[in-house]
Amino acid sequence: MRTTTLYAALAGAFLLGTAALSPAASDTAPAGSTVTNPIKNAKVAMSADYRAEKDRIEADYKAAKEKCKALTANAKDVCKAEAKGQEKVAKAELEAKRKGTPHSQYEVSVAKAKATYDVAKEKCDDMSGKEKSACKKQAKADEEKSLAEAKANRNTVATSTTTTTTTPAKKY
Protein backbone atom coordinates (compact mmCIF):
# COMPACT_ATOMS: atom_id res chain seq x y z
CA MET A 1 0.00 0.00 0.00
CA ARG A 2 2.85 2.36 0.83
CA THR A 3 4.54 1.86 -2.55
CA THR A 4 1.32 2.72 -4.39
CA THR A 5 1.02 5.96 -2.45
CA LEU A 6 4.68 6.71 -3.11
CA TYR A 7 4.24 6.10 -6.87
CA ALA A 8 1.14 8.31 -6.95
CA ALA A 9 2.97 11.11 -5.15
CA LEU A 10 5.95 10.87 -7.51
CA ALA A 11 3.70 10.81 -10.59
CA GLY A 12 1.82 13.87 -9.32
CA ALA A 13 5.07 15.73 -8.66
CA PHE A 14 6.35 14.82 -12.11
CA LEU A 15 3.17 16.09 -13.79
CA LEU A 16 3.22 19.34 -11.83
CA GLY A 17 6.86 19.85 -12.69
CA THR A 18 6.31 19.38 -16.43
CA ALA A 19 3.25 21.62 -16.35
CA ALA A 20 5.32 24.37 -14.73
CA LEU A 21 8.05 24.03 -17.35
CA SER A 22 5.74 24.05 -20.40
CA PRO A 23 4.68 27.42 -21.83
CA ALA A 24 1.39 28.81 -20.60
CA ALA A 25 -1.67 28.45 -22.82
CA SER A 26 -1.96 32.22 -23.08
CA ASP A 27 1.44 32.36 -24.80
CA THR A 28 0.20 30.41 -27.80
CA ALA A 29 -1.90 32.15 -30.39
CA PRO A 30 -5.41 30.91 -31.15
CA ALA A 31 -5.94 29.07 -34.42
CA GLY A 32 -7.60 31.94 -36.30
CA SER A 33 -5.34 34.73 -35.05
CA THR A 34 -3.22 36.93 -37.27
CA VAL A 35 -0.13 35.56 -35.55
CA THR A 36 -0.64 32.04 -36.90
CA ASN A 37 -2.32 33.19 -40.13
CA PRO A 38 -1.00 36.66 -41.00
CA ILE A 39 -3.17 38.89 -43.13
CA LYS A 40 -1.67 41.29 -45.64
CA ASN A 41 -3.82 44.19 -44.47
CA ALA A 42 -3.84 43.51 -40.73
CA LYS A 43 -4.40 47.18 -39.93
CA VAL A 44 -7.56 47.14 -42.03
CA ALA A 45 -8.74 43.93 -40.36
CA MET A 46 -8.47 45.39 -36.89
CA SER A 47 -9.62 48.91 -37.67
CA ALA A 48 -12.83 50.50 -36.57
CA ASP A 49 -13.54 51.24 -40.24
CA TYR A 50 -13.60 47.52 -41.02
CA ARG A 51 -16.02 46.79 -38.21
CA ALA A 52 -18.16 49.77 -39.17
CA GLU A 53 -18.26 48.62 -42.79
CA LYS A 54 -19.29 45.13 -41.71
CA ASP A 55 -22.06 46.56 -39.54
CA ARG A 56 -23.20 48.77 -42.43
CA ILE A 57 -23.43 45.73 -44.73
CA GLU A 58 -25.57 43.90 -42.19
CA ALA A 59 -27.79 46.96 -41.67
CA ASP A 60 -28.23 47.35 -45.44
CA TYR A 61 -29.25 43.69 -45.67
CA LYS A 62 -31.83 44.08 -42.91
CA ALA A 63 -33.24 47.21 -44.56
CA ALA A 64 -33.45 45.48 -47.95
CA LYS A 65 -35.18 42.51 -46.34
CA GLU A 66 -37.69 44.85 -44.69
CA LYS A 67 -38.56 46.33 -48.10
CA CYS A 68 -39.32 42.82 -49.32
CA LYS A 69 -42.06 42.35 -46.71
CA ALA A 70 -44.38 44.67 -48.66
CA LEU A 71 -44.16 42.46 -51.75
CA THR A 72 -46.10 39.27 -52.39
CA ALA A 73 -45.65 35.95 -54.14
CA ASN A 74 -42.53 35.42 -56.23
CA ALA A 75 -41.61 39.11 -56.27
CA LYS A 76 -40.95 38.76 -52.54
CA ASP A 77 -38.70 35.75 -53.13
CA VAL A 78 -36.79 37.60 -55.87
CA CYS A 79 -36.37 40.60 -53.59
CA LYS A 80 -35.02 38.42 -50.77
CA ALA A 81 -32.61 36.67 -53.13
CA GLU A 82 -31.33 40.03 -54.39
CA ALA A 83 -30.86 41.30 -50.83
CA LYS A 84 -29.03 38.15 -49.74
CA GLY A 85 -26.86 38.20 -52.86
CA GLN A 86 -25.90 41.84 -52.33
CA GLU A 87 -24.97 41.06 -48.72
CA LYS A 88 -22.79 38.09 -49.69
CA VAL A 89 -21.02 40.03 -52.42
CA ALA A 90 -20.43 43.03 -50.13
CA LYS A 91 -19.01 40.77 -47.41
CA ALA A 92 -16.77 39.00 -49.93
CA GLU A 93 -15.52 42.37 -51.21
CA LEU A 94 -14.84 43.50 -47.64
CA GLU A 95 -12.85 40.34 -46.96
CA ALA A 96 -10.96 40.81 -50.23
CA LYS A 97 -10.09 44.33 -49.18
CA ARG A 98 -8.96 43.03 -45.78
CA LYS A 99 -6.92 40.08 -47.06
CA GLY A 100 -5.67 41.52 -50.32
CA THR A 101 -4.96 38.12 -51.89
CA PRO A 102 -5.76 36.75 -55.36
CA HIS A 103 -7.83 34.00 -53.74
CA SER A 104 -10.00 36.56 -51.98
CA GLN A 105 -10.64 38.25 -55.35
CA TYR A 106 -11.65 34.84 -56.67
CA GLU A 107 -14.07 34.50 -53.76
CA VAL A 108 -15.65 37.84 -54.76
CA SER A 109 -16.15 36.55 -58.32
CA VAL A 110 -17.70 33.34 -57.01
CA ALA A 111 -20.04 35.27 -54.70
CA LYS A 112 -21.17 37.46 -57.60
CA ALA A 113 -21.79 34.43 -59.84
CA LYS A 114 -23.78 32.60 -57.18
CA ALA A 115 -25.81 35.69 -56.27
CA THR A 116 -26.69 36.28 -59.93
CA TYR A 117 -27.67 32.64 -60.31
CA ASP A 118 -29.91 32.67 -57.21
CA VAL A 119 -31.75 35.78 -58.43
CA ALA A 120 -32.13 34.41 -61.96
CA LYS A 121 -33.43 31.11 -60.61
CA GLU A 122 -36.04 32.94 -58.53
CA LYS A 123 -37.10 34.99 -61.55
CA CYS A 124 -37.61 31.75 -63.48
CA ASP A 125 -40.25 30.68 -60.96
CA ASP A 126 -42.65 33.22 -62.53
CA MET A 127 -42.64 31.14 -65.70
CA SER A 128 -44.08 27.71 -66.36
CA GLY A 129 -43.46 24.64 -68.48
CA LYS A 130 -40.74 24.64 -71.10
CA GLU A 131 -40.14 28.35 -70.64
CA LYS A 132 -39.32 27.82 -66.95
CA SER A 133 -37.06 24.87 -67.71
CA ALA A 134 -35.19 26.80 -70.39
CA CYS A 135 -34.83 29.78 -68.06
CA LYS A 136 -33.32 27.63 -65.29
CA LYS A 137 -30.95 25.93 -67.74
CA GLN A 138 -29.82 29.33 -69.03
CA ALA A 139 -29.31 30.58 -65.47
CA LYS A 140 -27.22 27.52 -64.62
CA ALA A 141 -25.19 27.88 -67.83
CA ASP A 142 -24.52 31.55 -67.03
CA GLU A 143 -23.41 30.62 -63.50
CA GLU A 144 -21.07 27.91 -64.80
CA LYS A 145 -19.61 30.34 -67.33
CA SER A 146 -19.03 32.98 -64.63
CA LEU A 147 -17.44 30.42 -62.30
CA ALA A 148 -15.19 29.17 -65.10
CA GLU A 149 -14.12 32.75 -65.88
CA ALA A 150 -13.40 33.37 -62.19
CA LYS A 151 -11.32 30.20 -62.02
CA ALA A 152 -9.44 31.11 -65.20
CA ASN A 153 -8.73 34.59 -63.82
CA ARG A 154 -7.54 33.07 -60.54
CA ASN A 155 -5.21 30.70 -62.39
CA THR A 156 -3.93 33.53 -64.59
CA VAL A 157 -3.21 35.72 -61.56
CA ALA A 158 -1.60 32.82 -59.71
CA THR A 159 0.56 31.97 -62.72
CA SER A 160 1.65 35.56 -63.29
CA THR A 161 2.56 36.07 -59.63
CA THR A 162 4.51 32.83 -59.41
CA THR A 163 6.38 33.43 -62.64
CA THR A 164 7.35 36.95 -61.63
CA THR A 165 8.52 35.89 -58.20
CA THR A 166 10.33 32.72 -59.23
CA THR A 167 12.11 34.04 -62.33
CA PRO A 168 15.80 34.26 -61.45
CA ALA A 169 17.62 37.52 -62.08
CA LYS A 170 20.14 37.55 -64.91
CA LYS A 171 23.78 37.60 -63.88
CA TYR A 172 26.23 39.53 -65.96
C-alpha atoms as a PDB file:
ATOM      1  CA  MET A   1       0.000   0.000   0.000  1.00  0.00           C
ATOM      2  CA  ARG A   2       2.852   2.360   0.829  1.00  0.00           C
ATOM      3  CA  THR A   3       4.541   1.862  -2.555  1.00  0.00           C
ATOM      4  CA  THR A   4       1.315   2.724  -4.391  1.00  0.00           C
ATOM      5  CA  THR A   5       1.025   5.961  -2.452  1.00  0.00           C
ATOM      6  CA  LEU A   6       4.679   6.709  -3.109  1.00  0.00           C
ATOM      7  CA  TYR A   7       4.242   6.101  -6.866  1.00  0.00           C
ATOM      8  CA  ALA A   8       1.145   8.307  -6.945  1.00  0.00           C
ATOM      9  CA  ALA A   9       2.974  11.111  -5.151  1.00  0.00           C
ATOM     10  CA  LEU A  10       5.949  10.870  -7.510  1.00  0.00           C
ATOM     11  CA  ALA A  11       3.703  10.809 -10.589  1.00  0.00           C
ATOM     12  CA  GLY A  12       1.819  13.873  -9.323  1.00  0.00           C
ATOM     13  CA  ALA A  13       5.067  15.734  -8.657  1.00  0.00           C
ATOM     14  CA  PHE A  14       6.355  14.825 -12.114  1.00  0.00           C
ATOM     15  CA  LEU A  15       3.175  16.094 -13.791  1.00  0.00           C
ATOM     16  CA  LEU A  16       3.215  19.344 -11.831  1.00  0.00           C
ATOM     17  CA  GLY A  17       6.864  19.854 -12.693  1.00  0.00           C
ATOM     18  CA  THR A  18       6.312  19.378 -16.426  1.00  0.00           C
ATOM     19  CA  ALA A  19       3.249  21.624 -16.346  1.00  0.00           C
ATOM     20  CA  ALA A  20       5.315  24.375 -14.730  1.00  0.00           C
ATOM     21  CA  LEU A  21       8.053  24.032 -17.354  1.00  0.00           C
ATOM     22  CA  SER A  22       5.740  24.046 -20.399  1.00  0.00           C
ATOM     23  CA  PRO A  23       4.677  27.419 -21.832  1.00  0.00           C
ATOM     24  CA  ALA A  24       1.388  28.810 -20.599  1.00  0.00           C
ATOM     25  CA  ALA A  25      -1.668  28.445 -22.818  1.00  0.00           C
ATOM     26  CA  SER A  26      -1.964  32.221 -23.076  1.00  0.00           C
ATOM     27  CA  ASP A  27       1.442  32.358 -24.795  1.00  0.00           C
ATOM     28  CA  THR A  28       0.199  30.406 -27.797  1.00  0.00           C
ATOM     29  CA  ALA A  29      -1.905  32.154 -30.391  1.00  0.00           C
ATOM     30  CA  PRO A  30      -5.413  30.915 -31.154  1.00  0.00           C
ATOM     31  CA  ALA A  31      -5.935  29.069 -34.417  1.00  0.00           C
ATOM     32  CA  GLY A  32      -7.602  31.944 -36.295  1.00  0.00           C
ATOM     33  CA  SER A  33      -5.336  34.729 -35.053  1.00  0.00           C
ATOM     34  CA  THR A  34      -3.219  36.932 -37.272  1.00  0.00           C
ATOM     35  CA  VAL A  35      -0.128  35.564 -35.550  1.00  0.00           C
ATOM     36  CA  THR A  36      -0.638  32.045 -36.898  1.00  0.00           C
ATOM     37  CA  ASN A  37      -2.321  33.188 -40.129  1.00  0.00           C
ATOM     38  CA  PRO A  38      -1.000  36.658 -41.002  1.00  0.00           C
ATOM     39  CA  ILE A  39      -3.169  38.893 -43.134  1.00  0.00           C
ATOM     40  CA  LYS A  40      -1.666  41.294 -45.636  1.00  0.00           C
ATOM     41  CA  ASN A  41      -3.816  44.185 -44.469  1.00  0.00           C
ATOM     42  CA  ALA A  42      -3.837  43.511 -40.733  1.00  0.00           C
ATOM     43  CA  LYS A  43      -4.400  47.180 -39.930  1.00  0.00           C
ATOM     44  CA  VAL A  44      -7.555  47.140 -42.034  1.00  0.00           C
ATOM     45  CA  ALA A  45      -8.739  43.927 -40.357  1.00  0.00           C
ATOM     46  CA  MET A  46      -8.467  45.386 -36.891  1.00  0.00           C
ATOM     47  CA  SER A  47      -9.617  48.906 -37.666  1.00  0.00           C
ATOM     48  CA  ALA A  48     -12.832  50.503 -36.570  1.00  0.00           C
ATOM     49  CA  ASP A  49     -13.544  51.237 -40.238  1.00  0.00           C
ATOM     50  CA  TYR A  50     -13.598  47.515 -41.023  1.00  0.00           C
ATOM     51  CA  ARG A  51     -16.021  46.788 -38.206  1.00  0.00           C
ATOM     52  CA  ALA A  52     -18.162  49.773 -39.166  1.00  0.00           C
ATOM     53  CA  GLU A  53     -18.260  48.616 -42.789  1.00  0.00           C
ATOM     54  CA  LYS A  54     -19.291  45.128 -41.709  1.00  0.00           C
ATOM     55  CA  ASP A  55     -22.059  46.558 -39.536  1.00  0.00           C
ATOM     56  CA  ARG A  56     -23.202  48.769 -42.430  1.00  0.00           C
ATOM     57  CA  ILE A  57     -23.428  45.734 -44.727  1.00  0.00           C
ATOM     58  CA  GLU A  58     -25.574  43.898 -42.188  1.00  0.00           C
ATOM     59  CA  ALA A  59     -27.789  46.963 -41.668  1.00  0.00           C
ATOM     60  CA  ASP A  60     -28.233  47.350 -45.441  1.00  0.00           C
ATOM     61  CA  TYR A  61     -29.253  43.691 -45.675  1.00  0.00           C
ATOM     62  CA  LYS A  62     -31.825  44.079 -42.908  1.00  0.00           C
ATOM     63  CA  ALA A  63     -33.237  47.213 -44.562  1.00  0.00           C
ATOM     64  CA  ALA A  64     -33.452  45.479 -47.946  1.00  0.00           C
ATOM     65  CA  LYS A  65     -35.179  42.515 -46.341  1.00  0.00           C
ATOM     66  CA  GLU A  66     -37.694  44.855 -44.691  1.00  0.00           C
ATOM     67  CA  LYS A  67     -38.559  46.331 -48.101  1.00  0.00           C
ATOM     68  CA  CYS A  68     -39.321  42.824 -49.321  1.00  0.00           C
ATOM     69  CA  LYS A  69     -42.063  42.351 -46.712  1.00  0.00           C
ATOM     70  CA  ALA A  70     -44.377  44.669 -48.659  1.00  0.00           C
ATOM     71  CA  LEU A  71     -44.158  42.456 -51.746  1.00  0.00           C
ATOM     72  CA  THR A  72     -46.104  39.274 -52.387  1.00  0.00           C
ATOM     73  CA  ALA A  73     -45.654  35.947 -54.142  1.00  0.00           C
ATOM     74  CA  ASN A  74     -42.530  35.416 -56.229  1.00  0.00           C
ATOM     75  CA  ALA A  75     -41.615  39.106 -56.273  1.00  0.00           C
ATOM     76  CA  LYS A  76     -40.955  38.759 -52.537  1.00  0.00           C
ATOM     77  CA  ASP A  77     -38.699  35.752 -53.133  1.00  0.00           C
ATOM     78  CA  VAL A  78     -36.786  37.597 -55.871  1.00  0.00           C
ATOM     79  CA  CYS A  79     -36.372  40.603 -53.591  1.00  0.00           C
ATOM     80  CA  LYS A  80     -35.019  38.420 -50.770  1.00  0.00           C
ATOM     81  CA  ALA A  81     -32.614  36.667 -53.134  1.00  0.00           C
ATOM     82  CA  GLU A  82     -31.331  40.031 -54.390  1.00  0.00           C
ATOM     83  CA  ALA A  83     -30.856  41.300 -50.825  1.00  0.00           C
ATOM     84  CA  LYS A  84     -29.025  38.154 -49.736  1.00  0.00           C
ATOM     85  CA  GLY A  85     -26.861  38.201 -52.859  1.00  0.00           C
ATOM     86  CA  GLN A  86     -25.899  41.841 -52.332  1.00  0.00           C
ATOM     87  CA  GLU A  87     -24.968  41.063 -48.718  1.00  0.00           C
ATOM     88  CA  LYS A  88     -22.792  38.087 -49.689  1.00  0.00           C
ATOM     89  CA  VAL A  89     -21.016  40.032 -52.424  1.00  0.00           C
ATOM     90  CA  ALA A  90     -20.432  43.026 -50.132  1.00  0.00           C
ATOM     91  CA  LYS A  91     -19.010  40.768 -47.409  1.00  0.00           C
ATOM     92  CA  ALA A  92     -16.767  38.999 -49.926  1.00  0.00           C
ATOM     93  CA  GLU A  93     -15.524  42.374 -51.207  1.00  0.00           C
ATOM     94  CA  LEU A  94     -14.840  43.504 -47.642  1.00  0.00           C
ATOM     95  CA  GLU A  95     -12.850  40.343 -46.958  1.00  0.00           C
ATOM     96  CA  ALA A  96     -10.957  40.807 -50.231  1.00  0.00           C
ATOM     97  CA  LYS A  97     -10.088  44.330 -49.176  1.00  0.00           C
ATOM     98  CA  ARG A  98      -8.960  43.032 -45.779  1.00  0.00           C
ATOM     99  CA  LYS A  99      -6.920  40.079 -47.058  1.00  0.00           C
ATOM    100  CA  GLY A 100      -5.668  41.520 -50.317  1.00  0.00           C
ATOM    101  CA  THR A 101      -4.962  38.122 -51.889  1.00  0.00           C
ATOM    102  CA  PRO A 102      -5.757  36.753 -55.356  1.00  0.00           C
ATOM    103  CA  HIS A 103      -7.826  34.005 -53.737  1.00  0.00           C
ATOM    104  CA  SER A 104     -10.003  36.565 -51.977  1.00  0.00           C
ATOM    105  CA  GLN A 105     -10.637  38.249 -55.346  1.00  0.00           C
ATOM    106  CA  TYR A 106     -11.649  34.839 -56.675  1.00  0.00           C
ATOM    107  CA  GLU A 107     -14.070  34.501 -53.762  1.00  0.00           C
ATOM    108  CA  VAL A 108     -15.653  37.836 -54.765  1.00  0.00           C
ATOM    109  CA  SER A 109     -16.150  36.552 -58.325  1.00  0.00           C
ATOM    110  CA  VAL A 110     -17.696  33.335 -57.010  1.00  0.00           C
ATOM    111  CA  ALA A 111     -20.037  35.266 -54.698  1.00  0.00           C
ATOM    112  CA  LYS A 112     -21.169  37.455 -57.600  1.00  0.00           C
ATOM    113  CA  ALA A 113     -21.789  34.430 -59.839  1.00  0.00           C
ATOM    114  CA  LYS A 114     -23.780  32.600 -57.180  1.00  0.00           C
ATOM    115  CA  ALA A 115     -25.812  35.686 -56.273  1.00  0.00           C
ATOM    116  CA  THR A 116     -26.687  36.281 -59.929  1.00  0.00           C
ATOM    117  CA  TYR A 117     -27.668  32.636 -60.306  1.00  0.00           C
ATOM    118  CA  ASP A 118     -29.907  32.668 -57.212  1.00  0.00           C
ATOM    119  CA  VAL A 119     -31.747  35.779 -58.430  1.00  0.00           C
ATOM    120  CA  ALA A 120     -32.127  34.415 -61.958  1.00  0.00           C
ATOM    121  CA  LYS A 121     -33.434  31.109 -60.610  1.00  0.00           C
ATOM    122  CA  GLU A 122     -36.040  32.937 -58.528  1.00  0.00           C
ATOM    123  CA  LYS A 123     -37.103  34.990 -61.546  1.00  0.00           C
ATOM    124  CA  CYS A 124     -37.607  31.752 -63.477  1.00  0.00           C
ATOM    125  CA  ASP A 125     -40.252  30.680 -60.961  1.00  0.00           C
ATOM    126  CA  ASP A 126     -42.650  33.216 -62.529  1.00  0.00           C
ATOM    127  CA  MET A 127     -42.639  31.141 -65.703  1.00  0.00           C
ATOM    128  CA  SER A 128     -44.084  27.705 -66.361  1.00  0.00           C
ATOM    129  CA  GLY A 129     -43.462  24.641 -68.475  1.00  0.00           C
ATOM    130  CA  LYS A 130     -40.739  24.640 -71.103  1.00  0.00           C
ATOM    131  CA  GLU A 131     -40.142  28.348 -70.638  1.00  0.00           C
ATOM    132  CA  LYS A 132     -39.320  27.819 -66.950  1.00  0.00           C
ATOM    133  CA  SER A 133     -37.065  24.868 -67.705  1.00  0.00           C
ATOM    134  CA  ALA A 134     -35.192  26.799 -70.394  1.00  0.00           C
ATOM    135  CA  CYS A 135     -34.828  29.779 -68.061  1.00  0.00           C
ATOM    136  CA  LYS A 136     -33.319  27.630 -65.291  1.00  0.00           C
ATOM    137  CA  LYS A 137     -30.951  25.927 -67.742  1.00  0.00           C
ATOM    138  CA  GLN A 138     -29.817  29.329 -69.028  1.00  0.00           C
ATOM    139  CA  ALA A 139     -29.306  30.582 -65.469  1.00  0.00           C
ATOM    140  CA  LYS A 140     -27.216  27.515 -64.623  1.00  0.00           C
ATOM    141  CA  ALA A 141     -25.191  27.879 -67.827  1.00  0.00           C
ATOM    142  CA  ASP A 142     -24.524  31.547 -67.029  1.00  0.00           C
ATOM    143  CA  GLU A 143     -23.412  30.615 -63.502  1.00  0.00           C
ATOM    144  CA  GLU A 144     -21.073  27.906 -64.795  1.00  0.00           C
ATOM    145  CA  LYS A 145     -19.611  30.344 -67.325  1.00  0.00           C
ATOM    146  CA  SER A 146     -19.032  32.975 -64.630  1.00  0.00           C
ATOM    147  CA  LEU A 147     -17.439  30.416 -62.304  1.00  0.00           C
ATOM    148  CA  ALA A 148     -15.189  29.174 -65.103  1.00  0.00           C
ATOM    149  CA  GLU A 149     -14.115  32.751 -65.881  1.00  0.00           C
ATOM    150  CA  ALA A 150     -13.399  33.366 -62.193  1.00  0.00           C
ATOM    151  CA  LYS A 151     -11.321  30.202 -62.023  1.00  0.00           C
ATOM    152  CA  ALA A 152      -9.440  31.110 -65.198  1.00  0.00           C
ATOM    153  CA  ASN A 153      -8.727  34.591 -63.822  1.00  0.00           C
ATOM    154  CA  ARG A 154      -7.539  33.073 -60.544  1.00  0.00           C
ATOM    155  CA  ASN A 155      -5.210  30.703 -62.392  1.00  0.00           C
ATOM    156  CA  THR A 156      -3.931  33.533 -64.593  1.00  0.00           C
ATOM    157  CA  VAL A 157      -3.205  35.721 -61.562  1.00  0.00           C
ATOM    158  CA  ALA A 158      -1.598  32.824 -59.706  1.00  0.00           C
ATOM    159  CA  THR A 159       0.561  31.972 -62.715  1.00  0.00           C
ATOM    160  CA  SER A 160       1.646  35.559 -63.289  1.00  0.00           C
ATOM    161  CA  THR A 161       2.558  36.068 -59.630  1.00  0.00           C
ATOM    162  CA  THR A 162       4.515  32.835 -59.411  1.00  0.00           C
ATOM    163  CA  THR A 163       6.384  33.433 -62.645  1.00  0.00           C
ATOM    164  CA  THR A 164       7.353  36.946 -61.627  1.00  0.00           C
ATOM    165  CA  THR A 165       8.516  35.891 -58.199  1.00  0.00           C
ATOM    166  CA  THR A 166      10.328  32.718 -59.232  1.00  0.00           C
ATOM    167  CA  THR A 167      12.106  34.035 -62.325  1.00  0.00           C
ATOM    168  CA  PRO A 168      15.798  34.262 -61.452  1.00  0.00           C
ATOM    169  CA  ALA A 169      17.618  37.516 -62.080  1.00  0.00           C
ATOM    170  CA  LYS A 170      20.145  37.551 -64.907  1.00  0.00           C
ATOM    171  CA  LYS A 171      23.779  37.596 -63.878  1.00  0.00           C
ATOM    172  CA  TYR A 172      26.232  39.534 -65.960  1.00  0.00           C
END
